[in-house]
Amino acid sequence: MQYNETPEEIMRDLYEVGIHKALGYLPTKTIINICGKSIQEIIDFAEANGLRHWLYQTECVSELYVYDVSMLSQMINNYTKS
């Protein structure tokens, strides 16, 4: 897999959660192998910024989701009112 983005640009998918977006996720292999970050480092970042995280793992897939509960709730409420 090739990326046209720098590691910093890729990590924005998680780092902008709570600022510009309610939810972000990346495959754990991308976080570790492409961006050079540990999963614990991202979990620590999320918790330090009042965000939640969910590590989804199966035999074939491993992804880290980071989300802002308030923003996500508001987005869902807005969607259900439509």
Protein backbone atom coordinates (compact mmCIF):
# COMPACT_ATOMS: atom_id res chain seq x y z
CA MET A 1 0.00 0.00 0.00
CA GLN A 2 1.33 3.44 -0.91
CA TYR A 3 0.35 6.75 0.58
CA ASN A 4 0.52 10.12 -1.16
CA GLU A 5 0.37 11.81 2.24
CA THR A 6 3.07 12.36 4.82
CA PRO A 7 2.80 10.58 8.18
CA GLU A 8 1.72 13.89 9.73
CA GLU A 9 -1.07 14.29 7.19
CA ILE A 10 -2.22 10.71 7.78
CA MET A 11 -2.29 11.21 11.56
CA ARG A 12 -4.58 14.23 11.16
CA ASP A 13 -7.40 11.72 10.79
CA LEU A 14 -7.01 11.08 14.52
CA TYR A 15 -5.49 14.36 15.70
CA GLU A 16 -8.37 16.49 14.36
CA VAL A 17 -11.03 14.56 16.29
CA GLY A 18 -12.77 16.88 18.72
CA ILE A 19 -11.62 19.92 16.76
CA HIS A 20 -12.92 19.49 13.22
CA LYS A 21 -14.57 16.09 13.32
CA ALA A 22 -16.39 13.70 15.62
CA LEU A 23 -14.68 10.45 14.65
CA GLY A 24 -11.49 9.22 13.05
CA TYR A 25 -9.84 5.88 12.56
CA LEU A 26 -6.71 4.33 11.12
CA PRO A 27 -5.48 0.79 10.70
CA THR A 28 -3.02 0.00 13.48
CA LYS A 29 -0.40 -1.11 10.93
CA THR A 30 -0.57 2.35 9.37
CA ILE A 31 -0.15 4.03 12.75
CA ILE A 32 2.86 1.87 13.63
CA ASN A 33 4.59 1.17 10.31
CA ILE A 34 3.86 4.31 8.26
CA CYS A 35 3.48 6.98 10.94
CA GLY A 36 5.98 5.61 13.47
CA LYS A 37 3.61 5.96 16.43
CA SER A 38 2.67 3.41 19.05
CA ILE A 39 -0.96 2.56 19.71
CA GLN A 40 -0.48 3.49 23.37
CA GLU A 41 0.81 6.92 22.33
CA ILE A 42 -2.41 7.59 20.42
CA ILE A 43 -4.57 6.24 23.26
CA ASP A 44 -2.72 8.56 25.67
CA PHE A 45 -3.29 11.48 23.27
CA ALA A 46 -7.01 10.69 23.08
CA GLU A 47 -7.44 10.44 26.83
CA ALA A 48 -5.43 13.62 27.46
CA ASN A 49 -7.79 15.48 25.11
CA GLY A 50 -11.02 14.16 26.60
CA LEU A 51 -11.61 11.77 23.71
CA ARG A 52 -12.56 8.11 23.72
CA HIS A 53 -10.99 5.30 21.79
CA TRP A 54 -11.94 1.83 20.60
CA LEU A 55 -9.48 -0.75 19.34
CA TYR A 56 -11.26 -3.04 16.91
CA GLN A 57 -9.45 -6.30 16.27
CA THR A 58 -10.23 -9.50 14.42
CA GLU A 59 -7.94 -12.12 12.96
CA CYS A 60 -7.66 -10.05 9.78
CA VAL A 61 -8.20 -6.44 10.85
CA SER A 62 -6.91 -4.12 13.55
CA GLU A 63 -8.10 -0.50 13.62
CA LEU A 64 -7.99 2.25 16.20
CA TYR A 65 -11.00 4.56 16.39
CA VAL A 66 -10.87 7.88 18.25
CA TYR A 67 -14.07 9.82 18.88
CA ASP A 68 -15.53 12.81 20.69
CA VAL A 69 -18.66 11.68 22.54
CA SER A 70 -20.30 15.11 22.54
CA MET A 71 -19.68 15.82 18.86
CA LEU A 72 -20.73 12.32 17.85
CA SER A 73 -23.95 12.54 19.91
CA GLN A 74 -24.77 15.91 18.38
CA MET A 75 -24.14 14.57 14.88
CA ILE A 76 -26.41 11.56 15.51
CA ASN A 77 -29.13 13.78 16.99
CA ASN A 78 -28.97 16.13 14.01
CA TYR A 79 -29.20 13.20 11.63
CA THR A 80 -32.18 11.62 13.36
CA LYS A 81 -34.08 14.94 13.31
CA SER A 82 -33.76 15.15 9.52
